[in-house]
């Protein structure tokens, strides 16, 4: 797959347009640990007090610092109800690495917090050892700082680490960091049996973390690139929380335009009934996925209803 004929200005324009659209959700993380940012159309929005791209609400924030090697990759993946779509924000494998700490580590005051009032909060890396993302929490209350300090130097999921039994009650700010920016989540962590809030939230699933993958095998990321974050434009048949809505052809067309500009040209060609370029590197799995998406979209465009199986659109994940 050859680099896109789109320069830094086009990428910044893509990010600015997505940030201005309340229908676009954002994610930053890795396979098994991810922070999500979204906002309501009428929600109060605060500009960042610096030159980063982003915004903050009372429930969370996103702050982006796109680098010259940032590469958007638009893609679609098939699911039983039809398809998912997103634009992955990727960096070269050689330059994406974060700190890869494997034990809980105190980092000191979060001087780069999105909001000035949070910059004296103490940041703790949870030590998940991820390649391209540091998953952290931030607290200001002295008791909360002391409880987190009690677990430093130990892996988060070690039975001897006392943090685990306090984390839900503490409900610290979750702060996920990558080379291209950060997502912060302020909403409380749901208790046992609780569900993700309708807004910014995080997911952590140890079973997926143990795989060591940076992304799901179904996601067609080019070789040598690592997705650090993603933007998720409004979907044609479901809302941000996955609930069904009437099929919206305008949303469908809007993402097809993104796919044409930022997607893998071979997959776009295959989806359109072609075979891709000679000697292309598209896997048979991803090629078949593109064909399945095309078939599902054709059914929706014809007005046919596709019944979704329970939980088919995403992996079940533990909320944190």
Protein backbone atom coordinates (compact mmCIF):
# COMPACT_ATOMS: atom_id res chain seq x y z
CA UNK A 1 0.00 0.00 0.00
CA UNK A 2 1.50 3.30 -1.08
CA UNK A 3 1.38 6.48 1.06
CA UNK A 4 -1.67 8.66 0.55
CA UNK A 5 -1.35 11.73 -1.69
CA UNK A 6 -2.52 13.87 1.23
CA UNK A 7 -0.14 16.18 3.08
CA UNK A 8 -0.09 17.46 6.68
CA UNK A 9 -2.54 20.28 5.92
CA UNK A 10 -5.13 17.78 4.69
CA UNK A 11 -4.68 15.67 7.82
CA UNK A 12 -5.08 18.67 10.12
CA UNK A 13 -8.20 19.66 8.17
CA UNK A 14 -9.58 16.13 8.65
CA UNK A 15 -8.98 16.32 12.41
CA UNK A 16 -10.44 19.81 12.77
CA UNK A 17 -13.60 18.86 10.88
CA UNK A 18 -14.07 15.76 13.02
CA UNK A 19 -13.53 17.72 16.25
CA UNK A 20 -16.16 20.24 15.17
CA UNK A 21 -18.72 17.48 14.55
CA UNK A 22 -20.53 16.26 17.71
CA UNK A 23 -21.59 13.18 15.73
CA UNK A 24 -17.98 11.96 15.60
CA UNK A 25 -16.62 9.89 18.49
CA UNK A 26 -12.94 9.36 19.24
CA UNK A 27 -10.83 6.57 20.69
CA UNK A 28 -7.23 6.34 21.84
CA UNK A 29 -5.68 3.10 22.97
CA UNK A 30 -4.70 -0.40 22.00
CA UNK A 31 -6.24 -3.86 21.76
CA UNK A 32 -7.79 -4.45 25.18
CA UNK A 33 -7.32 -0.95 26.63
CA UNK A 34 -9.00 2.06 25.11
CA UNK A 35 -10.32 5.49 26.09
CA UNK A 36 -13.30 6.90 24.22
CA UNK A 37 -14.37 10.53 23.93
CA UNK A 38 -17.74 11.73 22.68
CA UNK A 39 -20.05 14.65 23.34
CA UNK A 40 -23.68 15.64 22.99
CA UNK A 41 -24.66 18.27 20.38
CA UNK A 42 -25.83 20.69 23.10
CA UNK A 43 -23.00 19.97 25.58
CA UNK A 44 -20.88 22.89 26.79
CA UNK A 45 -17.48 22.73 25.08
CA UNK A 46 -14.30 24.42 26.25
CA UNK A 47 -11.37 25.25 23.97
CA UNK A 48 -7.94 24.06 25.03
CA UNK A 49 -5.71 26.78 26.55
CA UNK A 50 -2.82 25.99 24.20
CA UNK A 51 -2.14 25.24 20.53
CA UNK A 52 -3.17 21.57 20.60
CA UNK A 53 -6.14 20.46 18.53
CA UNK A 54 -9.00 19.39 20.75
CA UNK A 55 -11.65 20.35 23.26
CA UNK A 56 -12.89 19.58 26.75
CA UNK A 57 -16.28 19.03 28.36
CA UNK A 58 -17.31 18.34 31.95
CA UNK A 59 -17.05 14.60 31.17
CA UNK A 60 -13.76 14.33 29.29
CA UNK A 61 -11.29 15.87 26.87
CA UNK A 62 -9.24 15.19 23.76
CA UNK A 63 -5.97 16.94 22.87
CA UNK A 64 -4.08 16.10 19.67
CA UNK A 65 -0.59 16.99 18.47
CA UNK A 66 -0.42 15.53 14.95
CA UNK A 67 3.10 14.82 13.74
CA UNK A 68 4.43 14.77 10.19
CA UNK A 69 4.36 10.95 10.11
CA UNK A 70 0.71 10.63 11.19
CA UNK A 71 -1.32 8.62 8.67
CA UNK A 72 -5.12 8.28 8.66
CA UNK A 73 -6.44 4.92 7.47
CA UNK A 74 -10.17 4.76 6.77
CA UNK A 75 -11.66 1.27 6.86
CA UNK A 76 -14.82 -0.80 7.19
CA UNK A 77 -15.17 -4.22 8.81
CA UNK A 78 -18.08 -6.67 8.50
CA UNK A 79 -20.28 -7.65 11.46
CA UNK A 80 -23.50 -9.66 11.62
CA UNK A 81 -25.66 -6.53 11.52
CA UNK A 82 -23.76 -5.07 8.56
CA UNK A 83 -20.49 -3.23 9.17
CA UNK A 84 -18.45 -0.97 11.44
CA UNK A 85 -16.38 1.94 10.18
CA UNK A 86 -13.61 4.21 11.48
CA UNK A 87 -10.55 6.22 10.51
CA UNK A 88 -7.50 4.86 12.34
CA UNK A 89 -4.78 7.40 13.18
CA UNK A 90 -1.56 5.49 12.64
CA UNK A 91 2.15 6.05 13.22
CA UNK A 92 5.07 4.03 11.86
CA UNK A 93 5.95 1.10 14.08
CA UNK A 94 9.47 2.53 14.40
CA UNK A 95 8.28 5.81 15.95
CA UNK A 96 5.03 5.03 17.77
CA UNK A 97 6.45 3.53 20.97
CA UNK A 98 5.57 4.99 24.34
CA UNK A 99 7.20 4.06 27.66
CA UNK A 100 5.96 0.44 27.92
CA UNK A 101 6.12 0.41 31.72
CA UNK A 102 5.04 -2.90 33.25
CA UNK A 103 4.43 -1.81 36.84
CA UNK A 104 2.35 0.98 38.35
CA UNK A 105 4.56 4.07 38.28
CA UNK A 106 4.08 7.55 39.73
CA UNK A 107 4.84 10.20 37.10
CA UNK A 108 4.27 13.41 39.07
CA UNK A 109 2.01 16.37 38.26
CA UNK A 110 0.22 16.17 34.91
CA UNK A 111 1.56 19.42 33.45
CA UNK A 112 0.06 18.62 30.03
CA UNK A 113 -3.50 18.07 31.25
CA UNK A 114 -6.12 19.36 28.84
CA UNK A 115 -7.65 21.65 31.48
CA UNK A 116 -5.50 24.00 33.60
CA UNK A 117 -7.30 23.00 36.82
CA UNK A 118 -6.07 19.41 36.41
CA UNK A 119 -2.38 20.18 35.99
CA UNK A 120 -1.54 19.76 39.67
CA UNK A 121 -3.13 16.29 39.70
CA UNK A 122 -0.69 13.40 40.16
CA UNK A 123 -0.40 11.05 37.19
CA UNK A 124 0.16 7.30 37.64
CA UNK A 125 1.00 4.96 34.74
CA UNK A 126 -0.94 1.72 35.25
CA UNK A 127 1.94 -0.26 33.76
CA UNK A 128 0.02 -2.15 31.08
CA UNK A 129 3.13 -2.43 28.88
CA UNK A 130 1.38 -1.35 25.68
CA UNK A 131 3.48 -0.47 22.65
CA UNK A 132 1.90 2.80 21.53
CA UNK A 133 -0.18 3.93 24.54
CA UNK A 134 0.48 4.72 28.19
CA UNK A 135 -2.73 4.05 30.17
CA UNK A 136 -2.69 6.31 33.21
CA UNK A 137 -4.91 7.63 35.99
CA UNK A 138 -4.81 11.03 37.68
CA UNK A 139 -5.81 12.03 41.21
CA UNK A 140 -5.53 15.14 43.41
CA UNK A 141 -7.03 14.07 46.74
CA UNK A 142 -4.21 13.21 49.21
CA UNK A 143 -5.91 9.98 50.30
CA UNK A 144 -6.32 8.87 46.69
CA UNK A 145 -2.67 9.69 45.98
CA UNK A 146 -1.61 7.62 48.99
CA UNK A 147 -3.72 4.63 47.91
CA UNK A 148 -2.22 4.67 44.42
CA UNK A 149 1.30 5.09 45.78
CA UNK A 150 0.76 1.94 47.82
CA UNK A 151 0.61 -0.05 44.59
CA UNK A 152 3.57 1.45 42.76
CA UNK A 153 6.29 -0.96 41.71
CA UNK A 154 3.82 -3.82 41.23
CA UNK A 155 1.91 -4.96 38.12
CA UNK A 156 -1.66 -3.66 38.23
CA UNK A 157 -3.20 -7.13 38.09
CA UNK A 158 -0.86 -8.68 40.67
CA UNK A 159 -2.91 -10.10 43.55
CA UNK A 160 -0.52 -8.34 45.94
CA UNK A 161 -1.30 -4.93 44.43
CA UNK A 162 -3.83 -3.11 46.65
CA UNK A 163 -4.89 -0.68 43.93
CA UNK A 164 -7.35 -3.06 42.29
CA UNK A 165 -9.81 -3.11 45.18
CA UNK A 166 -9.81 0.69 45.45
CA UNK A 167 -9.87 1.75 41.81
CA UNK A 168 -13.65 1.80 41.27
CA UNK A 169 -14.28 3.67 44.52
CA UNK A 170 -11.54 6.20 43.75
CA UNK A 171 -12.82 6.74 40.18
CA UNK A 172 -9.70 8.66 39.17
CA UNK A 173 -9.49 10.55 35.93
CA UNK A 174 -8.34 8.13 33.24
CA UNK A 175 -5.68 9.63 30.98
CA UNK A 176 -4.55 7.67 27.92
CA UNK A 177 -1.43 9.02 26.21
CA UNK A 178 0.05 8.42 22.75
CA UNK A 179 2.61 10.19 20.57
CA UNK A 180 -0.23 11.97 18.79
CA UNK A 181 -2.05 13.20 21.89
CA UNK A 182 -4.33 12.17 24.73
CA UNK A 183 -7.89 11.38 25.76
CA UNK A 184 -9.02 12.11 29.31
CA UNK A 185 -12.13 10.65 30.96
CA UNK A 186 -13.65 12.25 34.06
CA UNK A 187 -16.87 10.25 34.42
CA UNK A 188 -17.03 7.83 37.38
CA UNK A 189 -16.07 4.20 36.83
CA UNK A 190 -19.20 1.98 36.89
CA UNK A 191 -19.33 -0.53 39.72
CA UNK A 192 -19.61 -4.32 39.33
CA UNK A 193 -22.38 -5.13 36.88
CA UNK A 194 -22.57 -1.52 35.74
CA UNK A 195 -22.60 -0.39 32.14
CA UNK A 196 -20.52 2.15 30.25
CA UNK A 197 -21.84 5.70 30.64
CA UNK A 198 -23.32 7.47 27.65
CA UNK A 199 -20.29 9.62 27.14
CA UNK A 200 -16.51 9.44 27.61
CA UNK A 201 -15.41 6.15 29.15
CA UNK A 202 -12.61 3.60 29.15
CA UNK A 203 -12.40 -0.14 28.61
CA UNK A 204 -9.73 -2.48 29.96
CA UNK A 205 -9.83 -6.23 29.32
CA UNK A 206 -6.88 -8.23 30.65
CA UNK A 207 -7.61 -11.22 28.40
CA UNK A 208 -7.18 -9.09 25.28
CA UNK A 209 -4.15 -7.33 26.73
CA UNK A 210 -2.39 -10.67 27.09
CA UNK A 211 -2.55 -11.16 23.32
CA UNK A 212 0.01 -8.38 22.82
CA UNK A 213 -1.80 -7.17 19.70
CA UNK A 214 -2.07 -3.49 18.78
CA UNK A 215 -5.38 -3.98 16.96
CA UNK A 216 -7.90 -6.64 16.04
CA UNK A 217 -6.98 -9.00 13.22
CA UNK A 218 -10.08 -7.88 11.32
CA UNK A 219 -8.81 -4.28 11.15
CA UNK A 220 -6.95 -3.71 7.85
CA UNK A 221 -3.99 -1.65 9.07
CA UNK A 222 -1.05 -1.54 6.59
CA UNK A 223 2.08 -3.49 7.54
CA UNK A 224 4.60 -1.41 9.45
CA UNK A 225 1.96 0.96 10.86
CA UNK A 226 0.33 1.00 14.29
CA UNK A 227 -3.08 2.54 15.10
CA UNK A 228 -2.77 4.82 18.14
CA UNK A 229 -6.17 6.48 17.98
CA UNK A 230 -9.23 6.68 15.79
CA UNK A 231 -12.13 8.86 14.81
CA UNK A 232 -15.56 7.32 14.40
CA UNK A 233 -17.91 9.36 12.19
CA UNK A 234 -21.66 9.03 12.58
CA UNK A 235 -22.78 5.58 11.45
CA UNK A 236 -25.66 5.08 8.99
CA UNK A 237 -27.73 2.67 11.10
CA UNK A 238 -26.66 3.02 14.74
CA UNK A 239 -25.95 5.76 17.25
CA UNK A 240 -22.78 6.26 19.32
CA UNK A 241 -23.89 3.70 21.90
CA UNK A 242 -24.72 1.07 19.25
CA UNK A 243 -28.52 1.43 19.35
CA UNK A 244 -30.31 1.03 16.01
CA UNK A 245 -31.56 4.10 14.13
CA UNK A 246 -33.27 4.37 10.72
CA UNK A 247 -30.74 4.01 7.91
CA UNK A 248 -29.29 7.43 7.02
CA UNK A 249 -28.02 7.58 3.44
CA UNK A 250 -26.32 10.92 4.10
CA UNK A 251 -24.13 9.37 6.81
CA UNK A 252 -23.39 6.49 4.49
CA UNK A 253 -22.27 8.81 1.68
CA UNK A 254 -20.16 10.93 4.04
CA UNK A 255 -18.08 7.96 5.13
CA UNK A 256 -17.72 6.65 1.59
CA UNK A 257 -16.07 9.98 0.73
CA UNK A 258 -13.62 9.47 3.62
CA UNK A 259 -12.99 5.91 2.48
CA UNK A 260 -12.23 7.03 -1.06
CA UNK A 261 -9.71 9.57 0.18
CA UNK A 262 -8.10 7.82 3.16
CA UNK A 263 -8.81 4.13 2.61
CA UNK A 264 -6.61 1.41 1.13
CA UNK A 265 -7.04 1.82 -2.65
CA UNK A 266 -6.89 -1.94 -3.19
CA UNK A 267 -9.63 -2.62 -0.65
CA UNK A 268 -11.75 0.17 -2.11
CA UNK A 269 -11.32 -1.40 -5.56
CA UNK A 270 -12.16 -4.88 -4.27
CA UNK A 271 -15.25 -3.55 -2.51
CA UNK A 272 -16.33 -2.04 -5.83
CA UNK A 273 -16.06 -5.41 -7.57
CA UNK A 274 -12.46 -5.15 -8.81
CA UNK A 275 -9.45 -7.20 -7.84
CA UNK A 276 -7.01 -4.57 -6.55
CA UNK A 277 -3.62 -3.73 -7.98
CA UNK A 278 -1.30 -6.46 -9.33
CA UNK A 279 1.00 -7.70 -6.59
CA UNK A 280 -1.06 -5.95 -3.90
CA UNK A 281 -0.58 -6.89 -0.25
CA UNK A 282 -4.24 -7.10 0.79
CA UNK A 283 -4.86 -10.31 2.74
CA UNK A 284 -7.60 -12.70 1.65
CA UNK A 285 -9.30 -12.10 5.00
CA UNK A 286 -9.51 -8.34 4.47
CA UNK A 287 -10.49 -8.74 0.82
CA UNK A 288 -13.35 -11.03 1.81
CA UNK A 289 -14.33 -8.55 4.50
CA UNK A 290 -14.55 -5.76 1.93
CA UNK A 291 -16.85 -7.89 -0.23
CA UNK A 292 -19.08 -8.71 2.74
CA UNK A 293 -19.35 -5.00 3.61
CA UNK A 294 -20.30 -4.20 0.00
CA UNK A 295 -23.03 -6.84 0.07
CA UNK A 296 -24.42 -5.57 3.38
CA UNK A 297 -24.42 -1.97 2.21
CA UNK A 298 -26.24 -2.94 -0.98
CA UNK A 299 -28.97 -4.56 1.13
CA UNK A 300 -29.34 -1.47 3.30
CA UNK A 301 -29.44 0.80 0.26
CA UNK A 302 -32.24 -1.38 -1.15
CA UNK A 303 -34.19 -0.88 2.07
CA UNK A 304 -33.75 -4.40 3.41
CA UNK A 305 -33.51 -4.90 7.18
CA UNK A 306 -30.63 -6.90 8.62
CA UNK A 307 -31.25 -8.34 12.06
CA UNK A 308 -28.28 -8.02 14.42
CA UNK A 309 -27.20 -10.79 16.72
CA UNK A 310 -26.72 -9.75 20.34
CA UNK A 311 -23.24 -8.31 20.86
CA UNK A 312 -22.16 -8.81 17.27
CA UNK A 313 -20.79 -5.32 16.68
CA UNK A 314 -18.01 -5.25 19.24
CA UNK A 315 -16.16 -7.42 21.70
CA UNK A 316 -17.53 -7.45 25.21
CA UNK A 317 -15.10 -5.47 27.35
CA UNK A 318 -14.77 -4.68 31.02
CA UNK A 319 -15.36 -1.01 31.76
CA UNK A 320 -12.84 0.94 33.80
